[in-house]
C-alpha atoms as a PDB file:
ATOM      1  CA  MET A   1     190.955-159.208 -43.223  1.00  0.00           C
ATOM      2  CA  SER A   2     193.922-159.852 -43.501  1.00  0.00           C
ATOM      3  CA  TRP A   3     195.163-155.614 -42.997  1.00  0.00           C
ATOM      4  CA  ILE A   4     192.887-156.077 -39.563  1.00  0.00           C
ATOM      5  CA  PHE A   5     195.079-158.522 -38.471  1.00  0.00           C
ATOM      6  CA  PHE A   6     198.425-155.947 -39.610  1.00  0.00           C
ATOM      7  CA  LEU A   7     197.652-153.133 -37.574  1.00  0.00           C
ATOM      8  CA  PHE A   8     196.563-155.909 -35.024  1.00  0.00           C
ATOM      9  CA  LEU A   9     200.208-156.888 -35.081  1.00  0.00           C
ATOM     10  CA  ILE A  10     201.694-153.187 -35.148  1.00  0.00           C
ATOM     11  CA  LEU A  11     199.675-152.521 -32.550  1.00  0.00           C
ATOM     12  CA  THR A  12     201.123-154.946 -30.225  1.00  0.00           C
ATOM     13  CA  PHE A  13     204.783-154.368 -31.561  1.00  0.00           C
ATOM     14  CA  SER A  14     204.623-151.007 -30.697  1.00  0.00           C
ATOM     15  CA  ALA A  15     203.311-151.997 -26.957  1.00  0.00           C
ATOM     16  CA  ALA A  16     205.638-154.559 -26.794  1.00  0.00           C
ATOM     17  CA  TYR A  17     208.462-152.672 -28.247  1.00  0.00           C
ATOM     18  CA  ALA A  18     207.232-149.981 -25.274  1.00  0.00           C
ATOM     19  CA  ALA A  19     207.433-151.806 -22.870  1.00  0.00           C
ATOM     20  CA  LEU A  20     210.222-153.486 -22.970  1.00  0.00           C
ATOM     21  CA  SER A  21     212.538-150.201 -23.637  1.00  0.00           C
ATOM     22  CA  ALA A  22     211.165-148.336 -20.367  1.00  0.00           C
ATOM     23  CA  ALA A  23     207.700-149.685 -19.035  1.00  0.00           C
ATOM     24  CA  PRO A  24     204.602-151.997 -19.609  1.00  0.00           C
ATOM     25  CA  TRP A  25     201.460-148.838 -20.069  1.00  0.00           C
ATOM     26  CA  VAL A  26     200.361-148.763 -16.540  1.00  0.00           C
ATOM     27  CA  PRO A  27     197.516-145.596 -16.340  1.00  0.00           C
ATOM     28  CA  THR A  28     199.013-143.268 -13.278  1.00  0.00           C
ATOM     29  CA  ARG A  29     196.556-144.103 -10.969  1.00  0.00           C
ATOM     30  CA  ARG A  30     193.423-140.761 -11.083  1.00  0.00           C
ATOM     31  CA  TRP A  31     193.118-140.191  -7.131  1.00  0.00           C
ATOM     32  CA  ASP A  32     197.117-139.791  -7.832  1.00  0.00           C
ATOM     33  CA  ILE A  33     197.476-136.979 -10.233  1.00  0.00           C
ATOM     34  CA  ASP A  34     196.033-134.355  -7.681  1.00  0.00           C
ATOM     35  CA  ARG A  35     199.237-135.365  -5.477  1.00  0.00           C
ATOM     36  CA  LEU A  36     202.155-135.110  -7.659  1.00  0.00           C
ATOM     37  CA  LEU A  37     200.306-132.807  -9.832  1.00  0.00           C
ATOM     38  CA  GLN A  38     200.449-130.610  -6.081  1.00  0.00           C
ATOM     39  CA  LEU A  39     203.721-132.231  -5.223  1.00  0.00           C
ATOM     40  CA  ALA A  40     205.784-130.825  -8.389  1.00  0.00           C
ATOM     41  CA  GLN A  41     203.291-126.871  -8.183  1.00  0.00           C
ATOM     42  CA  PRO A  42     203.749-126.423 -11.195  1.00  0.00           C
ATOM     43  CA  LYS A  43     203.271-122.671 -12.458  1.00  0.00           C
ATOM     44  CA  PRO A  44     202.385-121.919 -15.764  1.00  0.00           C
ATOM     45  CA  GLY A  45     204.092-121.372 -18.831  1.00  0.00           C
ATOM     46  CA  GLU A  46     206.374-124.166 -17.899  1.00  0.00           C
ATOM     47  CA  LYS A  47     206.543-127.136 -19.206  1.00  0.00           C
ATOM     48  CA  LEU A  48     206.211-131.105 -17.978  1.00  0.00           C
ATOM     49  CA  TYR A  49     207.441-133.356 -19.462  1.00  0.00           C
ATOM     50  CA  GLU A  50     205.067-136.711 -19.174  1.00  0.00           C
ATOM     51  CA  LEU A  51     208.276-139.625 -20.269  1.00  0.00           C
ATOM     52  CA  GLY A  52     206.775-142.155 -20.511  1.00  0.00           C
ATOM     53  CA  CYS A  53     202.730-140.562 -21.089  1.00  0.00           C
ATOM     54  CA  GLY A  54     200.370-143.421 -21.909  1.00  0.00           C
ATOM     55  CA  ASP A  55     196.992-142.198 -22.515  1.00  0.00           C
ATOM     56  CA  GLY A  56     198.492-138.287 -21.648  1.00  0.00           C
ATOM     57  CA  ARG A  57     195.920-138.408 -18.209  1.00  0.00           C
ATOM     58  CA  VAL A  58     198.909-136.171 -16.072  1.00  0.00           C
ATOM     59  CA  VAL A  59     199.896-134.252 -18.789  1.00  0.00           C
ATOM     60  CA  VAL A  60     196.904-132.333 -20.052  1.00  0.00           C
ATOM     61  CA  ALA A  61     195.616-132.428 -15.932  1.00  0.00           C
ATOM     62  CA  ALA A  62     198.884-130.241 -15.888  1.00  0.00           C
ATOM     63  CA  ALA A  63     197.490-128.276 -18.965  1.00  0.00           C
ATOM     64  CA  LYS A  64     194.707-127.802 -17.984  1.00  0.00           C
ATOM     65  CA  ARG A  65     194.451-127.119 -13.948  1.00  0.00           C
ATOM     66  CA  TYR A  66     197.621-125.377 -14.263  1.00  0.00           C
ATOM     67  CA  GLY A  67     198.716-123.866 -17.399  1.00  0.00           C
ATOM     68  CA  VAL A  68     201.685-125.381 -18.372  1.00  0.00           C
ATOM     69  CA  LYS A  69     203.191-127.041 -21.506  1.00  0.00           C
ATOM     70  CA  GLY A  70     202.992-129.977 -21.977  1.00  0.00           C
ATOM     71  CA  ILE A  71     204.975-132.560 -23.356  1.00  0.00           C
ATOM     72  CA  GLY A  72     204.299-135.929 -22.968  1.00  0.00           C
ATOM     73  CA  VAL A  73     205.910-138.477 -24.258  1.00  0.00           C
ATOM     74  CA  GLU A  74     205.402-142.182 -25.745  1.00  0.00           C
ATOM     75  CA  LEU A  75     206.539-145.582 -27.808  1.00  0.00           C
ATOM     76  CA  SER A  76     203.458-147.271 -27.728  1.00  0.00           C
ATOM     77  CA  LEU A  77     200.952-146.841 -31.607  1.00  0.00           C
ATOM     78  CA  LEU A  78     198.117-146.686 -29.526  1.00  0.00           C
ATOM     79  CA  GLN A  79     198.171-145.715 -25.923  1.00  0.00           C
ATOM     80  CA  ALA A  80     200.226-142.177 -28.131  1.00  0.00           C
ATOM     81  CA  GLY A  81     196.978-141.871 -30.303  1.00  0.00           C
ATOM     82  CA  VAL A  82     194.861-141.695 -27.213  1.00  0.00           C
ATOM     83  CA  ALA A  83     197.106-139.848 -25.450  1.00  0.00           C
ATOM     84  CA  PHE A  84     196.881-137.385 -29.245  1.00  0.00           C
ATOM     85  CA  LEU A  85     193.575-137.605 -29.226  1.00  0.00           C
ATOM     86  CA  ARG A  86     192.883-136.201 -25.366  1.00  0.00           C
ATOM     87  CA  ALA A  87     194.981-134.135 -25.619  1.00  0.00           C
ATOM     88  CA  LYS A  88     193.625-132.610 -29.033  1.00  0.00           C
ATOM     89  CA  LEU A  89     189.546-132.714 -27.014  1.00  0.00           C
ATOM     90  CA  SER A  90     190.946-130.856 -24.289  1.00  0.00           C
ATOM     91  CA  LYS A  91     192.187-128.180 -26.517  1.00  0.00           C
ATOM     92  CA  THR A  92     194.811-127.478 -24.114  1.00  0.00           C
ATOM     93  CA  ASN A  93     198.688-126.164 -24.413  1.00  0.00           C
ATOM     94  CA  THR A  94     199.477-130.403 -24.704  1.00  0.00           C
ATOM     95  CA  GLN A  95     201.761-131.975 -27.000  1.00  0.00           C
ATOM     96  CA  ILE A  96     201.909-135.607 -27.901  1.00  0.00           C
ATOM     97  CA  LYS A  97     205.199-137.052 -29.615  1.00  0.00           C
ATOM     98  CA  LEU A  98     205.892-141.006 -30.956  1.00  0.00           C
ATOM     99  CA  ALA A  99     209.380-140.957 -29.517  1.00  0.00           C
ATOM    100  CA  ASN A 100     211.353-143.023 -27.400  1.00  0.00           C
ATOM    101  CA  LEU A 101     211.747-141.294 -24.069  1.00  0.00           C
ATOM    102  CA  PHE A 102     215.367-142.192 -23.960  1.00  0.00           C
ATOM    103  CA  HIS A 103     216.216-140.087 -27.304  1.00  0.00           C
ATOM    104  CA  VAL A 104     214.511-136.697 -26.594  1.00  0.00           C
ATOM    105  CA  HIS A 105     215.879-133.726 -25.045  1.00  0.00           C
ATOM    106  CA  LEU A 106     214.599-132.597 -21.389  1.00  0.00           C
ATOM    107  CA  ARG A 107     217.084-129.502 -21.735  1.00  0.00           C
ATOM    108  CA  ASP A 108     214.130-126.745 -21.183  1.00  0.00           C
ATOM    109  CA  ALA A 109     212.094-128.749 -18.981  1.00  0.00           C
ATOM    110  CA  ASP A 110     210.700-126.924 -16.133  1.00  0.00           C
ATOM    111  CA  ILE A 111     209.288-130.659 -14.607  1.00  0.00           C
ATOM    112  CA  VAL A 112     209.627-133.512 -15.537  1.00  0.00           C
ATOM    113  CA  TYR A 113     206.828-136.670 -14.513  1.00  0.00           C
ATOM    114  CA  LEU A 114     207.981-139.868 -14.830  1.00  0.00           C
ATOM    115  CA  PHE A 115     205.979-144.043 -13.673  1.00  0.00           C
ATOM    116  CA  LEU A 116     208.669-146.683 -15.575  1.00  0.00           C
ATOM    117  CA  MET A 117     209.527-150.217 -14.164  1.00  0.00           C
ATOM    118  CA  PRO A 118     212.780-149.550 -11.898  1.00  0.00           C
ATOM    119  CA  GLU A 119     215.214-150.858 -14.557  1.00  0.00           C
ATOM    120  CA  ALA A 120     214.738-147.942 -16.774  1.00  0.00           C
ATOM    121  CA  TYR A 121     215.388-145.249 -14.090  1.00  0.00           C
ATOM    122  CA  GLN A 122     219.441-145.818 -14.335  1.00  0.00           C
ATOM    123  CA  ARG A 123     219.043-145.226 -17.634  1.00  0.00           C
ATOM    124  CA  ILE A 124     217.178-142.424 -17.116  1.00  0.00           C
ATOM    125  CA  ARG A 125     219.023-140.700 -14.378  1.00  0.00           C
ATOM    126  CA  ALA A 126     222.298-140.200 -16.282  1.00  0.00           C
ATOM    127  CA  LYS A 127     220.317-138.821 -18.724  1.00  0.00           C
ATOM    128  CA  PHE A 128     218.246-136.077 -16.848  1.00  0.00           C
ATOM    129  CA  GLU A 129     222.560-135.220 -15.145  1.00  0.00           C
ATOM    130  CA  ALA A 130     223.555-134.261 -18.510  1.00  0.00           C
ATOM    131  CA  GLU A 131     220.111-132.416 -20.140  1.00  0.00           C
ATOM    132  CA  LEU A 132     217.980-131.096 -16.801  1.00  0.00           C
ATOM    133  CA  LYS A 133     218.527-127.533 -16.308  1.00  0.00           C
ATOM    134  CA  PRO A 134     218.970-126.496 -12.292  1.00  0.00           C
ATOM    135  CA  GLY A 135     216.459-126.341 -10.596  1.00  0.00           C
ATOM    136  CA  ALA A 136     214.124-129.027 -12.930  1.00  0.00           C
ATOM    137  CA  ARG A 137     211.520-130.805 -10.883  1.00  0.00           C
ATOM    138  CA  VAL A 138     211.615-134.580 -10.880  1.00  0.00           C
ATOM    139  CA  ILE A 139     209.150-136.870  -9.675  1.00  0.00           C
ATOM    140  CA  SER A 140     208.577-140.557  -9.571  1.00  0.00           C
ATOM    141  CA  TYR A 141     205.760-142.066  -9.190  1.00  0.00           C
ATOM    142  CA  VAL A 142     206.238-145.747  -6.835  1.00  0.00           C
ATOM    143  CA  TRP A 143     209.753-145.770  -7.385  1.00  0.00           C
ATOM    144  CA  PRO A 144     213.348-144.004  -6.270  1.00  0.00           C
ATOM    145  CA  ILE A 145     215.450-142.845  -8.370  1.00  0.00           C
ATOM    146  CA  PRO A 146     218.512-144.953  -7.525  1.00  0.00           C
ATOM    147  CA  GLU A 147     221.581-142.311  -5.951  1.00  0.00           C
ATOM    148  CA  TRP A 148     219.538-139.595  -5.459  1.00  0.00           C
ATOM    149  CA  GLU A 149     217.904-138.027  -2.787  1.00  0.00           C
ATOM    150  CA  PRO A 150     214.687-137.086  -2.935  1.00  0.00           C
ATOM    151  CA  THR A 151     213.384-133.075  -2.117  1.00  0.00           C
ATOM    152  CA  ILE A 152     210.451-134.859  -0.619  1.00  0.00           C
ATOM    153  CA  VAL A 153     208.308-138.609  -0.282  1.00  0.00           C
ATOM    154  CA  ASP A 154     205.046-138.590  -0.049  1.00  0.00           C
ATOM    155  CA  HIS A 155     203.982-141.388   1.282  1.00  0.00           C
ATOM    156  CA  LYS A 156     200.387-142.079   1.790  1.00  0.00           C
ATOM    157  CA  GLU A 157     198.852-145.084   3.535  1.00  0.00           C
ATOM    158  CA  GLY A 158     197.568-147.097   0.960  1.00  0.00           C
ATOM    159  CA  LYS A 159     198.202-144.865  -1.721  1.00  0.00           C
ATOM    160  CA  CYS A 160     202.393-144.904  -4.175  1.00  0.00           C
ATOM    161  CA  ASP A 161     205.500-143.209  -2.730  1.00  0.00           C
ATOM    162  CA  LEU A 162     206.022-140.337  -4.432  1.00  0.00           C
ATOM    163  CA  PHE A 163     209.386-138.962  -4.844  1.00  0.00           C
ATOM    164  CA  LEU A 164     210.684-134.820  -5.456  1.00  0.00           C
ATOM    165  CA  TYR A 165     213.202-134.168  -6.311  1.00  0.00           C
ATOM    166  CA  ARG A 166     215.150-130.837  -7.967  1.00  0.00           C
ATOM    167  CA  ARG A 167     218.235-130.034  -9.920  1.00  0.00           C
END
């Protein structure tokens, strides 16, 4: 019985640490996945990073529908485990990394998708400016990236805003 409690503590600590680092797990709404992928215009063979991928629904959908190499980055053990299973069961070209999104190199990213808390956007903006290659696309769900001018703002009544940026 004590191992169950210990496992519970590890999973709880991991989720809390991930939430404090960049965002708690709040999934992208299923009906917004198509919108954000259409906005990103992924092409087969491109690399799409989902930072804070949670259960991996976006990165797996992108790999399945568009033939991209999907890389999901998640810090919470439970969500990363679910994302890993989803990726394996989908039989797509998707990799899930259990890592802090601020420590993952993005130099080869063609597309980056993120849905974080607004406080994390200032830190991640500096990382993007240092690492993203010219032409890379960044899709932000709900909140804009401070001090960046979006190429497109996708605003639909009753839905969350999407912001597309090009480096």
